[in-house]
Protein backbone atom coordinates (compact mmCIF):
# COMPACT_ATOMS: atom_id res chain seq x y z
CA MET A 1 -22.63 20.28 15.72
CA LYS A 2 -19.80 21.78 13.73
CA VAL A 3 -16.55 19.91 13.59
CA TYR A 4 -14.66 22.72 15.41
CA GLU A 5 -17.27 22.42 18.16
CA LEU A 6 -16.65 18.77 18.39
CA PHE A 7 -12.85 19.22 18.66
CA ALA A 8 -13.47 21.74 21.45
CA GLU A 9 -15.43 19.10 23.42
CA LEU A 10 -12.56 16.61 22.87
CA SER A 11 -9.87 19.10 23.75
CA SER A 12 -10.11 18.24 27.40
CA GLU A 13 -8.08 15.28 28.76
CA ASN A 14 -10.83 14.85 31.52
CA ARG A 15 -13.61 14.74 28.98
CA LEU A 16 -11.70 12.25 26.86
CA ALA A 17 -11.09 10.12 29.85
CA ILE A 18 -14.78 10.03 30.64
CA LEU A 19 -15.75 9.00 27.11
CA GLN A 20 -13.15 6.32 27.00
CA ILE A 21 -14.18 4.92 30.40
CA LEU A 22 -17.84 4.88 29.50
CA ASP A 23 -17.00 3.23 26.25
CA GLU A 24 -15.89 0.16 28.30
CA LYS A 25 -18.89 0.29 30.65
CA PRO A 26 -21.60 2.65 31.98
CA MET A 27 -20.79 4.04 35.38
CA THR A 28 -22.41 6.06 38.23
CA PHE A 29 -21.18 9.43 39.29
CA THR A 30 -19.42 8.05 42.29
CA SER A 31 -17.72 5.35 40.34
CA LEU A 32 -16.54 7.78 37.71
CA ILE A 33 -14.87 10.02 40.32
CA LYS A 34 -12.95 7.11 41.71
CA GLU A 35 -11.96 5.85 38.28
CA ILE A 36 -10.62 9.18 36.94
CA ASP A 37 -9.45 10.70 40.25
CA MET A 38 -11.35 13.92 39.81
CA ASN A 39 -13.11 15.96 42.47
CA SER A 40 -16.86 16.01 42.45
CA ALA A 41 -17.27 19.65 41.34
CA GLU A 42 -15.01 19.20 38.30
CA ALA A 43 -16.58 15.84 37.41
CA ALA A 44 -20.06 17.35 37.54
CA ARG A 45 -18.98 20.20 35.26
CA GLN A 46 -17.42 17.88 32.66
CA LEU A 47 -20.40 15.52 32.69
CA SER A 48 -22.79 18.37 32.27
CA ARG A 49 -20.78 19.61 29.22
CA LEU A 50 -20.60 16.15 27.64
CA THR A 51 -24.38 15.71 28.22
CA GLU A 52 -25.17 19.05 26.63
CA SER A 53 -23.05 17.99 23.59
CA GLN A 54 -25.10 14.79 23.41
CA LEU A 55 -21.94 12.68 23.71
CA ILE A 56 -23.17 11.00 26.93
CA GLU A 57 -26.46 10.51 28.66
CA LYS A 58 -27.76 9.64 32.18
CA LYS A 59 -30.32 6.89 32.16
CA GLY A 60 -32.90 5.84 34.71
CA ASP A 61 -30.55 3.40 36.44
CA GLY A 62 -28.39 6.29 37.57
CA ARG A 63 -25.56 5.45 35.30
CA TYR A 64 -23.95 7.49 32.59
CA TYR A 65 -23.65 6.02 29.05
CA ASN A 66 -22.03 7.10 25.77
CA THR A 67 -24.72 8.02 23.33
CA LEU A 68 -24.77 6.34 19.93
CA PHE A 69 -23.14 9.57 18.67
CA GLY A 70 -20.64 9.42 21.54
CA LYS A 71 -19.75 5.79 20.62
CA LEU A 72 -19.11 6.78 16.98
CA VAL A 73 -16.90 9.69 18.03
CA ILE A 74 -14.80 7.66 20.54
CA SER A 75 -14.38 4.82 17.87
CA SER A 76 -12.83 7.47 15.53
CA ILE A 77 -10.46 8.90 18.16
CA SER A 78 -8.22 5.82 18.14
CA ASP A 79 -7.22 6.64 14.63
CA LEU A 80 -6.41 10.14 15.48
CA ASN A 81 -4.58 9.07 18.64
CA PHE A 82 -2.44 6.65 16.56
CA ILE A 83 -1.64 9.42 14.07
CA SER A 84 -0.75 11.91 16.82
CA GLU A 85 1.44 9.45 18.73
CA LYS A 86 3.29 8.51 15.49
CA SER A 87 3.53 12.09 14.20
CA GLY A 88 7.26 11.77 13.69
CA TYR A 89 6.70 8.81 11.38
CA PHE A 90 3.91 10.42 9.44
CA LEU A 91 5.80 13.67 8.88
CA ASN A 92 8.19 11.73 6.78
CA HIS A 93 5.99 9.10 5.10
CA ASP A 94 3.31 9.67 2.52
CA THR A 95 -0.10 7.93 2.95
CA ALA A 96 -1.39 9.00 -0.54
CA GLN A 97 -1.09 5.39 -1.78
CA ILE A 98 -3.58 4.11 0.76
CA PRO A 99 -7.28 4.15 -0.36
CA LEU A 100 -9.52 6.58 1.63
CA ASP A 101 -11.62 3.88 3.21
CA LEU A 102 -8.54 2.24 4.67
CA LEU A 103 -6.99 5.57 5.52
CA GLY A 104 -10.01 6.08 7.65
CA GLN A 105 -9.23 2.81 9.53
CA ILE A 106 -5.47 3.50 9.91
CA GLY A 107 -5.85 3.05 13.74
CA ALA A 108 -5.81 -0.72 12.89
CA LEU A 109 -1.92 -0.26 12.63
CA SER A 110 -1.67 1.10 16.16
CA THR A 111 -0.44 -2.20 17.61
CA GLY A 112 2.35 -2.31 15.02
CA GLU A 113 6.04 -2.30 15.68
CA ILE A 114 8.14 0.18 13.82
CA VAL A 115 11.42 -1.37 12.72
CA THR A 116 14.35 0.69 11.30
CA GLY A 117 17.37 -0.32 9.51
CA VAL A 118 17.49 -2.63 6.44
CA TYR A 119 19.35 -5.33 8.37
CA ASN A 120 16.83 -5.29 11.19
CA ILE A 121 13.97 -5.42 8.80
CA LEU A 122 15.44 -8.42 6.96
CA ASN A 123 16.21 -10.15 10.26
CA THR A 124 12.66 -9.65 11.42
CA HIS A 125 11.36 -11.18 8.19
CA GLU A 126 13.56 -14.23 8.67
CA LYS A 127 12.49 -14.71 12.29
CA LEU A 128 8.84 -14.47 11.34
CA GLY A 129 8.96 -16.41 8.12
CA ASP A 130 8.83 -19.89 9.62
CA GLY A 131 5.48 -19.07 11.26
CA ILE A 132 3.82 -18.66 7.79
CA LYS A 133 1.74 -21.83 7.08
CA SER A 134 -0.68 -21.22 4.25
CA TYR A 135 -0.14 -18.02 2.24
CA MET A 136 2.04 -14.98 1.68
CA TRP A 137 1.05 -11.98 -0.41
CA TYR A 138 3.80 -9.51 -1.42
CA MET A 139 3.78 -6.18 -3.15
CA SER A 140 6.79 -4.04 -3.73
CA ASP A 141 8.97 -2.34 -6.31
CA ASP A 142 11.38 -5.29 -6.72
CA PHE A 143 11.27 -9.17 -6.42
CA PRO A 144 12.49 -10.23 -2.92
CA ARG A 145 15.82 -11.77 -4.06
CA HIS A 146 17.12 -11.91 -0.46
CA HIS A 147 14.23 -14.27 0.34
CA LEU A 148 14.70 -16.66 -2.57
CA PRO A 149 15.79 -19.73 -0.56
CA TYR A 150 12.94 -19.17 1.82
CA ILE A 151 10.46 -18.78 -1.12
CA GLU A 152 11.64 -21.88 -2.84
CA LYS A 153 11.33 -23.84 0.29
CA LYS A 154 7.83 -22.51 1.03
CA LEU A 155 6.62 -23.27 -2.54
CA GLU A 156 7.75 -26.77 -2.26
CA GLU A 157 5.69 -26.97 0.92
CA GLY A 158 2.62 -25.84 -0.95
CA LEU A 159 2.51 -22.15 0.26
CA GLU A 160 0.26 -19.94 -1.71
CA ILE A 161 2.33 -16.85 -2.98
CA ARG A 162 1.03 -13.91 -4.73
CA VAL A 163 3.18 -11.01 -5.89
CA ILE A 164 2.53 -7.55 -7.29
CA LEU A 165 5.53 -6.05 -9.09
CA PRO A 166 6.38 -3.30 -11.52
CA GLU A 167 6.28 -4.52 -15.14
CA ASP A 168 9.99 -4.41 -15.54
CA LYS A 169 10.40 -6.72 -12.56
CA CYS A 170 7.60 -9.06 -13.47
CA SER A 171 9.78 -12.05 -14.30
CA ALA A 172 10.51 -14.39 -11.36
CA SER A 173 13.35 -16.02 -13.47
CA LEU A 174 15.56 -16.39 -10.36
CA LEU A 175 13.30 -19.14 -9.23
CA SER A 176 13.48 -22.77 -10.49
CA GLU A 177 11.13 -23.34 -13.45
CA LYS A 178 8.72 -25.56 -11.62
CA ASN A 179 8.34 -23.03 -8.76
CA ARG A 180 8.03 -20.09 -11.01
CA LYS A 181 4.73 -21.43 -12.26
CA LYS A 182 3.40 -21.76 -8.70
CA ILE A 183 3.60 -18.01 -8.08
CA GLU A 184 0.57 -15.75 -8.97
CA THR A 185 1.96 -12.60 -10.36
CA LYS A 186 0.28 -9.29 -11.34
CA VAL A 187 1.79 -6.14 -12.54
CA LEU A 188 1.46 -2.32 -11.78
CA ASP A 189 3.07 0.46 -13.90
CA GLU A 190 4.48 1.99 -10.68
CA ILE A 191 4.62 0.90 -7.09
CA LYS A 192 5.26 3.29 -4.26
CA ILE A 193 4.11 1.14 -1.31
CA SER A 194 5.37 -2.25 -0.01
CA VAL A 195 3.15 -4.60 1.81
CA ILE A 196 3.42 -8.25 3.02
CA VAL A 197 0.36 -10.19 4.10
CA SER A 198 0.44 -13.64 5.63
CA ASP A 199 -1.30 -15.84 8.20
CA SER A 200 1.40 -15.11 10.72
CA PHE A 201 2.36 -11.34 10.29
CA SER A 202 2.02 -8.39 7.98
CA MET A 203 4.38 -5.58 7.09
CA LEU A 204 3.94 -2.10 5.54
CA GLU A 205 6.46 0.27 4.04
CA LEU A 206 5.40 3.75 2.82
CA PRO A 207 7.16 6.20 0.50
CA GLY A 208 9.46 8.79 2.10
CA PRO A 209 9.98 12.39 1.26
CA ASP A 210 11.58 11.51 -2.15
CA GLY A 211 8.50 9.51 -3.14
CA LYS A 212 10.27 6.17 -3.15
CA ILE A 213 9.50 3.30 -0.78
CA ASP A 214 11.42 3.79 2.49
CA GLN A 215 13.06 0.45 2.79
CA ASN A 216 14.75 1.52 5.98
CA THR A 217 11.53 1.78 7.98
CA ALA A 218 8.78 -0.71 8.25
CA ILE A 219 5.77 -1.42 10.39
CA PHE A 220 5.27 -4.95 11.45
CA GLY A 221 2.00 -6.20 12.88
CA TYR A 222 0.89 -9.47 14.30
CA ASP A 223 -2.73 -9.23 15.45
CA ASP A 224 -5.81 -10.01 13.37
CA ARG A 225 -6.85 -6.28 12.99
CA PHE A 226 -3.47 -5.26 11.67
CA ARG A 227 -3.19 -8.19 9.26
CA GLU A 228 -6.79 -7.75 8.10
CA TRP A 229 -6.03 -4.06 7.25
CA CYS A 230 -3.00 -5.00 5.25
CA LYS A 231 -4.94 -7.87 3.48
CA LYS A 232 -7.54 -5.32 2.35
CA LEU A 233 -4.73 -2.98 1.11
CA PHE A 234 -3.21 -5.84 -0.97
CA GLN A 235 -6.55 -6.87 -2.32
CA TYR A 236 -7.37 -3.28 -3.35
CA TYR A 237 -4.37 -3.25 -5.65
CA TRP A 238 -4.70 -6.91 -6.77
CA GLU A 239 -8.30 -6.57 -7.79
CA ALA A 240 -8.67 -2.96 -8.90
CA LYS A 241 -5.27 -1.73 -10.07
CA CYS A 242 -3.22 -4.65 -11.42
CA TYR A 243 -3.09 -6.49 -14.73
CA PRO A 244 -1.71 -9.90 -15.51
CA CYS A 245 2.06 -10.49 -15.89
CA TYR A 246 2.85 -11.90 -19.41
């Protein structure tokens, strides 16, 4: 099947609804009609088309199932659905700094909350900060001066903190000497993406049209999938792109 043929099959709201319903559980013809509120003639037509495309199959128990191919297709749609729903955001934010494997999993951010305004973003940080218990990893183009009291406090409590900064911002000299040594720091020549990872929440800021990090718009996420995606993004830079801060 050519990609344009696949998109043609997915261009129907009814066919998409059938695939999504069958992704949750197999169903009989009668059950499907009730679930998607479709008349029997139309349902039969759409089921026939999906079967011919090998996206679904009818088994001996009389129920329709997504094929293995259908399951793979529907698992990929969530990413496209997220990108489509947030098209206004992605029209103005560059994803080029995200490695291809994570870009292919960008649907992990679909549960995130977009927060706009520097004050609102800082306020959200402060509200969420007390929930961090064990670690916080931070990558941005500047040291988070506005969070210094919080960072000092958390370092005293034994919080693990890693930071990735540009070389000219490498020094954490604003911290007390004993706490400065507790922070693991690495350096990148240029940083165009901001990410915070913790055991409580994660945050992502992408570059805007000018190529600089848009610090006026952030995506906050709280579930495991969102946080794991951001963690992999940070680790990608930490392990493959950074060098020690001297």
